[in-house]
Amino acid sequence: MQALNVQWFQWLHAGSQPEAGLLAFALLCAQSLVQVVGGLLLALSLVGPMHLRRRLLQALLAVAIGALLAGLVHRHWPQPRPFMLDLGPLWLDHAARAGLPSSHATGMFSLGFALWLQASRRLGGAVLLLGALVGWSRVYLGVHFPLDILAALPVGWLAAWLARASWRAVGALRCAGPQAASAG
């Protein structure tokens, strides 16, 4: 599997002489998309309609769970990044630490899947597509292997599912609380 991962990386990576426009686009995607999406959704969670605020808070819970899950994988199964193995130039400064799954892709996929599970198909789908673009850019720039990005998909899905289940459990407890007290 590692040989295939390296082969895919070499196919997608910018190489030693990337085209300037594509390199600039990849840097923009890798450095700004996560912050722009996060900032917009945070702003909407503060000033948007209440039903949207609830959805976004649940989605932010999914991002937090995704970060915890990714951190557990990093800690217990650390995998090197391509630049740590001298497989190609690094076009974006990055610390030499475990890369599977990609934390950036995990966050975007957790957010997108959480919105998708809440029937916000357009918004969730848009975030998932932007997450794929972030993932591509980080491979192109030499920060991640393709499997680091692909591994973020199931982690993001699990995080979204756990956030949804937690949200529903808390809601059920809130609804049952006053009824249980009045029944006693």
N, C-alpha and C. Protein backbone atom coordinates (compact mmCIF):
# COMPACT_ATOMS: atom_id res chain seq x y z
N MET A 1 0.82 -1.20 0.00
CA MET A 1 0.00 0.00 0.00
C MET A 1 0.87 1.26 0.00
N GLN A 2 1.99 1.22 0.73
CA GLN A 2 2.87 2.38 0.78
C GLN A 2 3.44 2.70 -0.60
N ALA A 3 3.75 1.68 -1.40
CA ALA A 3 4.29 1.92 -2.74
C ALA A 3 3.25 2.67 -3.59
N LEU A 4 2.00 2.28 -3.48
CA LEU A 4 0.93 2.97 -4.22
C LEU A 4 0.78 4.41 -3.72
N ASN A 5 0.86 4.60 -2.42
CA ASN A 5 0.77 5.94 -1.83
C ASN A 5 1.90 6.84 -2.36
N VAL A 6 3.10 6.30 -2.42
CA VAL A 6 4.24 7.07 -2.94
C VAL A 6 4.04 7.37 -4.42
N GLN A 7 3.55 6.39 -5.16
CA GLN A 7 3.32 6.59 -6.60
C GLN A 7 2.28 7.68 -6.83
N TRP A 8 1.18 7.65 -6.08
CA TRP A 8 0.15 8.69 -6.20
C TRP A 8 0.71 10.05 -5.81
N PHE A 9 1.52 10.06 -4.75
CA PHE A 9 2.12 11.32 -4.33
C PHE A 9 2.97 11.91 -5.45
N GLN A 10 3.82 11.09 -6.05
CA GLN A 10 4.70 11.58 -7.12
C GLN A 10 3.90 12.07 -8.31
N TRP A 11 2.77 11.48 -8.56
CA TRP A 11 1.91 11.90 -9.66
C TRP A 11 1.25 13.26 -9.36
N LEU A 12 0.84 13.49 -8.10
CA LEU A 12 0.10 14.70 -7.73
C LEU A 12 1.00 15.84 -7.25
N HIS A 13 2.21 15.55 -6.84
CA HIS A 13 3.10 16.55 -6.25
C HIS A 13 3.56 17.56 -7.30
N ALA A 14 3.84 18.77 -6.86
CA ALA A 14 4.25 19.86 -7.74
C ALA A 14 5.59 19.60 -8.43
N GLY A 15 6.43 18.80 -7.82
CA GLY A 15 7.74 18.55 -8.39
C GLY A 15 8.69 19.70 -8.08
N SER A 16 9.81 19.70 -8.76
CA SER A 16 10.85 20.69 -8.45
C SER A 16 10.67 22.00 -9.22
N GLN A 17 9.85 22.00 -10.29
CA GLN A 17 9.63 23.23 -11.06
C GLN A 17 8.14 23.39 -11.39
N PRO A 18 7.34 23.70 -10.37
CA PRO A 18 5.89 23.82 -10.62
C PRO A 18 5.56 25.08 -11.42
N GLU A 19 4.44 25.03 -12.10
CA GLU A 19 3.93 26.19 -12.83
C GLU A 19 3.52 27.22 -11.78
N ALA A 20 3.93 28.47 -11.94
CA ALA A 20 3.76 29.51 -10.92
C ALA A 20 2.31 29.74 -10.53
N GLY A 21 1.41 29.77 -11.51
CA GLY A 21 0.00 30.02 -11.22
C GLY A 21 -0.63 28.90 -10.41
N LEU A 22 -0.32 27.67 -10.75
CA LEU A 22 -0.86 26.52 -10.02
C LEU A 22 -0.28 26.46 -8.61
N LEU A 23 0.99 26.79 -8.47
CA LEU A 23 1.61 26.83 -7.15
C LEU A 23 0.94 27.89 -6.28
N ALA A 24 0.69 29.07 -6.84
CA ALA A 24 0.03 30.14 -6.09
C ALA A 24 -1.38 29.72 -5.68
N PHE A 25 -2.11 29.07 -6.59
CA PHE A 25 -3.46 28.59 -6.28
C PHE A 25 -3.42 27.55 -5.16
N ALA A 26 -2.49 26.62 -5.24
CA ALA A 26 -2.37 25.58 -4.21
C ALA A 26 -2.03 26.20 -2.85
N LEU A 27 -1.13 27.18 -2.85
CA LEU A 27 -0.79 27.85 -1.59
C LEU A 27 -2.00 28.57 -1.00
N LEU A 28 -2.78 29.21 -1.85
CA LEU A 28 -3.99 29.89 -1.40
C LEU A 28 -4.96 28.88 -0.78
N CYS A 29 -5.16 27.76 -1.46
CA CYS A 29 -6.08 26.73 -0.95
C CYS A 29 -5.58 26.16 0.38
N ALA A 30 -4.30 25.85 0.45
CA ALA A 30 -3.74 25.22 1.65
C ALA A 30 -3.71 26.16 2.84
N GLN A 31 -3.50 27.44 2.60
CA GLN A 31 -3.33 28.38 3.69
C GLN A 31 -4.60 29.12 4.07
N SER A 32 -5.53 29.27 3.16
CA SER A 32 -6.65 30.17 3.43
C SER A 32 -8.03 29.53 3.46
N LEU A 33 -8.25 28.47 2.72
CA LEU A 33 -9.62 27.93 2.63
C LEU A 33 -10.17 27.51 3.98
N VAL A 34 -9.39 26.83 4.79
CA VAL A 34 -9.89 26.37 6.08
C VAL A 34 -10.27 27.56 6.96
N GLN A 35 -9.41 28.58 6.98
CA GLN A 35 -9.70 29.76 7.79
C GLN A 35 -10.92 30.52 7.28
N VAL A 36 -11.05 30.67 5.97
CA VAL A 36 -12.19 31.39 5.40
C VAL A 36 -13.49 30.65 5.71
N VAL A 37 -13.52 29.35 5.46
CA VAL A 37 -14.73 28.56 5.74
C VAL A 37 -15.05 28.60 7.23
N GLY A 38 -14.04 28.38 8.05
CA GLY A 38 -14.25 28.41 9.50
C GLY A 38 -14.76 29.76 9.98
N GLY A 39 -14.16 30.82 9.48
CA GLY A 39 -14.58 32.17 9.87
C GLY A 39 -16.01 32.48 9.46
N LEU A 40 -16.36 32.12 8.23
CA LEU A 40 -17.73 32.36 7.76
C LEU A 40 -18.75 31.58 8.59
N LEU A 41 -18.44 30.31 8.86
CA LEU A 41 -19.40 29.50 9.62
C LEU A 41 -19.47 29.95 11.07
N LEU A 42 -18.36 30.38 11.62
CA LEU A 42 -18.38 30.91 12.98
C LEU A 42 -19.23 32.18 13.04
N ALA A 43 -19.06 33.06 12.07
CA ALA A 43 -19.87 34.28 12.03
C ALA A 43 -21.35 33.94 11.90
N LEU A 44 -21.69 32.99 11.05
CA LEU A 44 -23.08 32.58 10.90
C LEU A 44 -23.63 31.97 12.18
N SER A 45 -22.76 31.26 12.91
CA SER A 45 -23.23 30.64 14.16
C SER A 45 -23.51 31.70 15.23
N LEU A 46 -22.94 32.88 15.07
CA LEU A 46 -23.17 33.95 16.04
C LEU A 46 -24.34 34.85 15.68
N VAL A 47 -24.57 35.06 14.37
CA VAL A 47 -25.60 36.03 13.97
C VAL A 47 -26.68 35.44 13.07
N GLY A 48 -26.56 34.20 12.67
CA GLY A 48 -27.55 33.59 11.77
C GLY A 48 -28.83 33.22 12.50
N PRO A 49 -29.82 32.76 11.73
CA PRO A 49 -31.07 32.32 12.36
C PRO A 49 -30.80 31.13 13.31
N MET A 50 -31.66 30.98 14.31
CA MET A 50 -31.44 29.99 15.37
C MET A 50 -31.29 28.57 14.82
N HIS A 51 -32.09 28.20 13.82
CA HIS A 51 -31.97 26.83 13.29
C HIS A 51 -30.60 26.60 12.64
N LEU A 52 -30.06 27.64 12.00
CA LEU A 52 -28.73 27.53 11.40
C LEU A 52 -27.66 27.52 12.48
N ARG A 53 -27.84 28.30 13.53
CA ARG A 53 -26.88 28.30 14.64
C ARG A 53 -26.75 26.91 15.25
N ARG A 54 -27.87 26.25 15.47
CA ARG A 54 -27.83 24.90 16.05
C ARG A 54 -27.07 23.94 15.14
N ARG A 55 -27.34 24.02 13.85
CA ARG A 55 -26.64 23.15 12.90
C ARG A 55 -25.13 23.41 12.92
N LEU A 56 -24.77 24.67 12.94
CA LEU A 56 -23.35 25.01 12.92
C LEU A 56 -22.66 24.65 14.23
N LEU A 57 -23.34 24.79 15.34
CA LEU A 57 -22.74 24.38 16.62
C LEU A 57 -22.52 22.87 16.64
N GLN A 58 -23.48 22.12 16.12
CA GLN A 58 -23.30 20.68 16.03
C GLN A 58 -22.14 20.36 15.09
N ALA A 59 -22.02 21.09 14.00
CA ALA A 59 -20.92 20.87 13.06
C ALA A 59 -19.58 21.22 13.71
N LEU A 60 -19.53 22.27 14.52
CA LEU A 60 -18.31 22.61 15.24
C LEU A 60 -17.94 21.53 16.25
N LEU A 61 -18.94 20.92 16.85
CA LEU A 61 -18.69 19.77 17.73
C LEU A 61 -18.05 18.64 16.93
N ALA A 62 -18.53 18.42 15.72
CA ALA A 62 -17.94 17.38 14.86
C ALA A 62 -16.48 17.69 14.56
N VAL A 63 -16.16 18.96 14.32
CA VAL A 63 -14.77 19.35 14.05
C VAL A 63 -13.90 19.06 15.27
N ALA A 64 -14.41 19.37 16.46
CA ALA A 64 -13.65 19.10 17.68
C ALA A 64 -13.43 17.60 17.87
N ILE A 65 -14.46 16.82 17.63
CA ILE A 65 -14.33 15.36 17.74
C ILE A 65 -13.35 14.85 16.69
N GLY A 66 -13.43 15.38 15.48
CA GLY A 66 -12.49 15.00 14.43
C GLY A 66 -11.05 15.28 14.82
N ALA A 67 -10.83 16.44 15.43
CA ALA A 67 -9.47 16.79 15.88
C ALA A 67 -8.99 15.81 16.94
N LEU A 68 -9.86 15.43 17.85
CA LEU A 68 -9.48 14.45 18.88
C LEU A 68 -9.16 13.10 18.26
N LEU A 69 -9.99 12.66 17.32
CA LEU A 69 -9.75 11.37 16.67
C LEU A 69 -8.45 11.39 15.86
N ALA A 70 -8.23 12.46 15.12
CA ALA A 70 -6.99 12.57 14.34
C ALA A 70 -5.78 12.59 15.27
N GLY A 71 -5.91 13.29 16.38
CA GLY A 71 -4.82 13.33 17.36
C GLY A 71 -4.50 11.96 17.93
N LEU A 72 -5.54 11.16 18.16
CA LEU A 72 -5.32 9.79 18.65
C LEU A 72 -4.57 8.96 17.62
N VAL A 73 -4.94 9.08 16.36
CA VAL A 73 -4.24 8.34 15.31
C VAL A 73 -2.80 8.81 15.22
N HIS A 74 -2.59 10.12 15.23
CA HIS A 74 -1.23 10.67 15.17
C HIS A 74 -0.36 10.11 16.30
N ARG A 75 -0.95 10.05 17.49
CA ARG A 75 -0.20 9.62 18.67
C ARG A 75 0.12 8.13 18.66
N HIS A 76 -0.85 7.32 18.22
CA HIS A 76 -0.70 5.87 18.34
C HIS A 76 -0.24 5.18 17.05
N TRP A 77 -0.29 5.89 15.94
CA TRP A 77 0.17 5.31 14.67
C TRP A 77 0.80 6.41 13.83
N PRO A 78 1.91 6.96 14.31
CA PRO A 78 2.52 8.09 13.59
C PRO A 78 3.11 7.67 12.25
N GLN A 79 2.70 8.37 11.21
CA GLN A 79 3.18 8.10 9.87
C GLN A 79 3.92 9.35 9.36
N PRO A 80 5.08 9.16 8.76
CA PRO A 80 5.84 10.32 8.28
C PRO A 80 5.17 10.99 7.08
N ARG A 81 5.51 12.23 6.89
CA ARG A 81 5.04 13.00 5.74
C ARG A 81 6.05 12.84 4.60
N PRO A 82 5.65 13.13 3.37
CA PRO A 82 6.56 12.95 2.23
C PRO A 82 7.88 13.70 2.37
N PHE A 83 7.84 14.94 2.85
CA PHE A 83 9.07 15.72 2.96
C PHE A 83 10.01 15.14 4.02
N MET A 84 9.46 14.40 4.98
CA MET A 84 10.29 13.76 6.00
C MET A 84 11.08 12.59 5.40
N LEU A 85 10.59 12.08 4.27
CA LEU A 85 11.24 10.96 3.58
C LEU A 85 12.01 11.43 2.35
N ASP A 86 12.15 12.73 2.18
CA ASP A 86 12.85 13.34 1.04
C ASP A 86 12.30 12.85 -0.31
N LEU A 87 10.96 12.83 -0.42
CA LEU A 87 10.32 12.38 -1.66
C LEU A 87 10.06 13.51 -2.64
N GLY A 88 10.29 14.72 -2.23
CA GLY A 88 10.07 15.86 -3.11
C GLY A 88 10.16 17.14 -2.34
N PRO A 89 10.27 18.25 -3.04
CA PRO A 89 10.37 19.55 -2.36
C PRO A 89 9.10 19.87 -1.58
N LEU A 90 9.29 20.55 -0.48
CA LEU A 90 8.19 21.04 0.34
C LEU A 90 7.95 22.50 -0.04
N TRP A 91 6.75 22.81 -0.51
CA TRP A 91 6.43 24.16 -0.98
C TRP A 91 5.65 24.98 0.05
N LEU A 92 5.45 24.41 1.23
CA LEU A 92 4.73 25.08 2.30
C LEU A 92 5.40 24.68 3.61
N ASP A 93 5.92 25.65 4.34
CA ASP A 93 6.59 25.32 5.60
C ASP A 93 5.67 24.51 6.50
N HIS A 94 6.23 23.45 7.08
CA HIS A 94 5.44 22.60 7.95
C HIS A 94 6.35 21.86 8.91
N ALA A 95 5.87 21.65 10.12
CA ALA A 95 6.62 20.90 11.12
C ALA A 95 6.66 19.42 10.72
N ALA A 96 7.74 18.77 11.12
CA ALA A 96 7.92 17.34 10.83
C ALA A 96 7.24 16.53 11.94
N ARG A 97 5.95 16.27 11.75
CA ARG A 97 5.19 15.45 12.70
C ARG A 97 4.27 14.54 11.92
N ALA A 98 3.61 13.64 12.61
CA ALA A 98 2.74 12.64 11.97
C ALA A 98 1.73 13.31 11.04
N GLY A 99 1.45 12.65 9.91
CA GLY A 99 0.58 13.26 8.91
C GLY A 99 -0.68 12.51 8.58
N LEU A 100 -0.88 11.33 9.13
CA LEU A 100 -2.06 10.53 8.81
C LEU A 100 -2.97 10.47 10.03
N PRO A 101 -4.20 10.92 9.88
CA PRO A 101 -4.82 11.61 8.75
C PRO A 101 -4.48 13.11 8.77
N SER A 102 -4.70 13.75 7.66
CA SER A 102 -4.49 15.19 7.57
C SER A 102 -5.45 15.90 8.51
N SER A 103 -4.92 16.73 9.40
CA SER A 103 -5.78 17.48 10.33
C SER A 103 -6.66 18.49 9.59
N HIS A 104 -6.09 19.14 8.57
CA HIS A 104 -6.88 20.11 7.81
C HIS A 104 -8.04 19.43 7.08
N ALA A 105 -7.74 18.32 6.41
CA ALA A 105 -8.79 17.59 5.69
C ALA A 105 -9.80 17.00 6.67
N THR A 106 -9.33 16.49 7.80
CA THR A 106 -10.25 15.95 8.80
C THR A 106 -11.22 17.01 9.27
N GLY A 107 -10.73 18.21 9.54
CA GLY A 107 -11.61 19.29 9.98
C GLY A 107 -12.65 19.64 8.93
N MET A 108 -12.21 19.78 7.70
CA MET A 108 -13.15 20.12 6.62
C MET A 108 -14.17 19.01 6.38
N PHE A 109 -13.69 17.76 6.38
CA PHE A 109 -14.61 16.64 6.14
C PHE A 109 -15.56 16.45 7.32
N SER A 110 -15.09 16.65 8.55
CA SER A 110 -15.97 16.57 9.72
C SER A 110 -17.08 17.60 9.60
N LEU A 111 -16.70 18.80 9.25
CA LEU A 111 -17.66 19.89 9.09
C LEU A 111 -18.65 19.59 7.97
N GLY A 112 -18.13 19.20 6.83
CA GLY A 112 -19.00 18.91 5.68
C GLY A 112 -19.97 17.76 5.95
N PHE A 113 -19.45 16.67 6.52
CA PHE A 113 -20.33 15.53 6.81
C PHE A 113 -21.36 15.87 7.88
N ALA A 114 -20.97 16.67 8.87
CA ALA A 114 -21.93 17.06 9.91
C ALA A 114 -23.08 17.85 9.31
N LEU A 115 -22.76 18.78 8.43
CA LEU A 115 -23.82 19.55 7.77
C LEU A 115 -24.66 18.65 6.87
N TRP A 116 -24.01 17.75 6.16
CA TRP A 116 -24.71 16.82 5.28
C TRP A 116 -25.70 15.96 6.08
N LEU A 117 -25.27 15.44 7.23
CA LEU A 117 -26.13 14.59 8.06
C LEU A 117 -27.32 15.36 8.62
N GLN A 118 -27.20 16.66 8.70
CA GLN A 118 -28.29 17.49 9.21
C GLN A 118 -29.21 17.98 8.08
N ALA A 119 -29.08 17.38 6.92
CA ALA A 119 -29.89 17.71 5.75
C ALA A 119 -29.54 19.06 5.15
N SER A 120 -28.36 19.58 5.46
CA SER A 120 -27.87 20.78 4.79
C SER A 120 -26.98 20.31 3.65
N ARG A 121 -27.62 19.67 2.67
CA ARG A 121 -26.89 18.99 1.60
C ARG A 121 -26.02 19.95 0.77
N ARG A 122 -26.55 21.10 0.40
CA ARG A 122 -25.77 22.03 -0.42
C ARG A 122 -24.56 22.57 0.33
N LEU A 123 -24.81 23.04 1.54
CA LEU A 123 -23.72 23.59 2.33
C LEU A 123 -22.71 22.50 2.69
N GLY A 124 -23.20 21.35 3.12
CA GLY A 124 -22.30 20.24 3.45
C GLY A 124 -21.51 19.78 2.24
N GLY A 125 -22.18 19.65 1.10
CA GLY A 125 -21.50 19.24 -0.13
C GLY A 125 -20.44 20.25 -0.56
N ALA A 126 -20.76 21.54 -0.41
CA ALA A 126 -19.78 22.58 -0.76
C ALA A 126 -18.55 22.49 0.15
N VAL A 127 -18.76 22.28 1.43
CA VAL A 127 -17.64 22.17 2.36
C VAL A 127 -16.82 20.91 2.05
N LEU A 128 -17.49 19.81 1.70
CA LEU A 128 -16.76 18.59 1.34
C LEU A 128 -15.90 18.82 0.09
N LEU A 129 -16.44 19.51 -0.90
CA LEU A 129 -15.66 19.81 -2.10
C LEU A 129 -14.48 20.72 -1.78
N LEU A 130 -14.70 21.71 -0.93
CA LEU A 130 -13.60 22.57 -0.53
C LEU A 130 -12.56 21.79 0.27
N GLY A 131 -13.04 20.83 1.07
CA GLY A 131 -12.11 19.96 1.80
C GLY A 131 -11.25 19.13 0.87
N ALA A 132 -11.85 18.64 -0.22
CA ALA A 132 -11.07 17.90 -1.21
C ALA A 132 -10.03 18.80 -1.86
N LEU A 133 -10.39 20.04 -2.10
CA LEU A 133 -9.45 21.01 -2.67
C LEU A 133 -8.29 21.31 -1.70
N VAL A 134 -8.61 21.44 -0.44
CA VAL A 134 -7.58 21.63 0.58
C VAL A 134 -6.66 20.40 0.60
N GLY A 135 -7.26 19.22 0.56
CA GLY A 135 -6.47 18.00 0.56
C GLY A 135 -5.54 17.91 -0.65
N TRP A 136 -6.09 18.19 -1.84
CA TRP A 136 -5.26 18.17 -3.05
C TRP A 136 -4.08 19.13 -2.89
N SER A 137 -4.36 20.34 -2.40
CA SER A 137 -3.30 21.35 -2.32
C SER A 137 -2.20 20.91 -1.38
N ARG A 138 -2.54 20.23 -0.33
CA ARG A 138 -1.53 19.82 0.65
C ARG A 138 -0.68 18.67 0.12
N VAL A 139 -1.26 17.85 -0.75
CA VAL A 139 -0.45 16.83 -1.43
C VAL A 139 0.43 17.51 -2.48
N TYR A 140 -0.14 18.38 -3.26
CA TYR A 140 0.58 19.08 -4.31
C TYR A 140 1.80 19.81 -3.75
N LEU A 141 1.64 20.39 -2.56
CA LEU A 141 2.71 21.18 -1.95
C LEU A 141 3.72 20.33 -1.18
N GLY A 142 3.49 19.03 -1.10
CA GLY A 142 4.45 18.13 -0.46
C GLY A 142 4.26 17.93 1.03
N VAL A 143 3.15 18.39 1.57
CA VAL A 143 2.89 18.29 3.01
C VAL A 143 2.33 16.92 3.38
N HIS A 144 1.52 16.33 2.49
CA HIS A 144 0.83 15.08 2.79
C HIS A 144 0.93 14.08 1.66
N PHE A 145 0.74 12.82 2.03
CA PHE A 145 0.52 11.75 1.06
C PHE A 145 -0.97 11.74 0.71
N PRO A 146 -1.34 11.21 -0.44
CA PRO A 146 -2.76 11.09 -0.78
C PRO A 146 -3.56 10.28 0.25
N LEU A 147 -2.96 9.22 0.81
CA LEU A 147 -3.71 8.43 1.79
C LEU A 147 -3.94 9.19 3.09
N ASP A 148 -3.12 10.20 3.38
CA ASP A 148 -3.38 11.05 4.54
C ASP A 148 -4.71 11.78 4.36
N ILE A 149 -4.97 12.19 3.13
CA ILE A 149 -6.22 12.90 2.81
C ILE A 149 -7.38 11.92 2.79
N LEU A 150 -7.19 10.78 2.12
CA LEU A 150 -8.26 9.78 2.06
C LEU A 150 -8.62 9.25 3.44
N ALA A 151 -7.63 9.11 4.33
CA ALA A 151 -7.90 8.64 5.69
C ALA A 151 -8.75 9.64 6.47
N ALA A 152 -8.68 10.90 6.09
CA ALA A 152 -9.48 11.92 6.77
C ALA A 152 -10.97 11.75 6.47
N LEU A 153 -11.33 11.11 5.37
CA LEU A 153 -12.75 10.91 5.04
C LEU A 153 -13.48 10.08 6.09
N PRO A 154 -13.03 8.85 6.39
CA PRO A 154 -13.76 8.08 7.41
C PRO A 154 -13.66 8.70 8.80
N VAL A 155 -12.55 9.35 9.11
CA VAL A 155 -12.42 10.02 10.41
C VAL A 155 -13.44 11.15 10.49
N GLY A 156 -13.56 11.93 9.42
CA GLY A 156 -14.54 13.01 9.38
C GLY A 156 -15.97 12.50 9.47
N TRP A 157 -16.25 11.39 8.78
CA TRP A 157 -17.59 10.80 8.84
C TRP A 157 -17.91 10.32 10.26
N LEU A 158 -16.95 9.63 10.89
CA LEU A 158 -17.15 9.15 12.26
C LEU A 158 -17.35 10.32 13.21
N ALA A 159 -16.56 11.36 13.06
CA ALA A 159 -16.70 12.54 13.92
C ALA A 159 -18.08 13.17 13.76
N ALA A 160 -18.55 13.28 12.54
CA ALA A 160 -19.87 13.86 12.28
C ALA A 160 -20.97 12.99 12.88
N TRP A 161 -20.82 11.69 12.73
CA TRP A 161 -21.82 10.76 13.27
C TRP A 161 -21.83 10.83 14.80
N LEU A 162 -20.65 10.85 15.42
CA LEU A 162 -20.57 10.95 16.89
C LEU A 162 -21.13 12.27 17.39
N ALA A 163 -20.87 13.34 16.67
CA ALA A 163 -21.42 14.65 17.06
C ALA A 163 -22.94 14.62 16.98
N ARG A 164 -23.46 14.04 15.93
CA ARG A 164 -24.92 13.96 15.76
C ARG A 164 -25.53 13.12 16.87
N ALA A 165 -24.93 11.96 17.16
CA ALA A 165 -25.45 11.08 18.20
C ALA A 165 -25.37 11.77 19.57
N SER A 166 -24.27 12.46 19.84
CA SER A 166 -24.12 13.19 21.11
C SER A 166 -25.15 14.30 21.23
N TRP A 167 -25.32 15.03 20.14
CA TRP A 167 -26.28 16.14 20.11
C TRP A 167 -27.69 15.63 20.40
N ARG A 168 -28.04 14.51 19.77
CA ARG A 168 -29.38 13.95 19.99
C ARG A 168 -29.54 13.42 21.41
N ALA A 169 -28.48 12.81 21.94
CA ALA A 169 -28.55 12.29 23.32
C ALA A 169 -28.74 13.42 24.32
N VAL A 170 -28.01 14.51 24.14
CA VAL A 170 -28.16 15.66 25.02
C VAL A 170 -29.56 16.26 24.88
N GLY A 171 -30.05 16.33 23.65
CA GLY A 171 -31.41 16.83 23.42
C GLY A 171 -32.45 15.95 24.08
N ALA A 172 -32.26 14.63 24.01
CA ALA A 172 -33.20 13.70 24.64
C ALA A 172 -33.16 13.85 26.16
N LEU A 173 -31.97 14.06 26.71
CA LEU A 173 -31.86 14.26 28.15
C LEU A 173 -32.54 15.55 28.59
N ARG A 174 -32.37 16.61 27.77
CA ARG A 174 -33.01 17.88 28.10
C ARG A 174 -34.52 17.76 28.07
N CYS A 175 -35.03 17.01 27.08
CA CYS A 175 -36.47 16.84 26.96
C CYS A 175 -37.01 15.94 28.07
N ALA A 176 -36.25 14.91 28.45
CA ALA A 176 -36.70 13.98 29.47
C ALA A 176 -36.55 14.55 30.87
N GLY A 177 -35.63 15.50 31.05
CA GLY A 177 -35.35 16.04 32.38
C GLY A 177 -36.57 16.60 33.08
N PRO A 178 -37.27 17.57 32.53
CA PRO A 178 -38.45 18.13 33.23
C PRO A 178 -39.57 17.10 33.40
N GLN A 179 -39.74 16.22 32.42
CA GLN A 179 -40.79 15.19 32.52
C GLN A 179 -40.48 14.22 33.64
N ALA A 180 -39.21 13.83 33.74
CA ALA A 180 -38.83 12.90 34.80
C ALA A 180 -39.01 13.55 36.17
N ALA A 181 -38.71 14.84 36.27
CA ALA A 181 -38.84 15.54 37.56
C ALA A 181 -40.31 15.68 37.96
N SER A 182 -41.19 15.94 36.99
CA SER A 182 -42.60 16.10 37.33
C SER A 182 -43.28 14.77 37.58
N ALA A 183 -42.73 13.69 37.03
CA ALA A 183 -43.31 12.37 37.26
C ALA A 183 -42.97 11.85 38.65
N GLY A 184 -41.89 12.33 39.26
CA GLY A 184 -41.42 11.84 40.56
C GLY A 184 -42.11 12.50 41.64
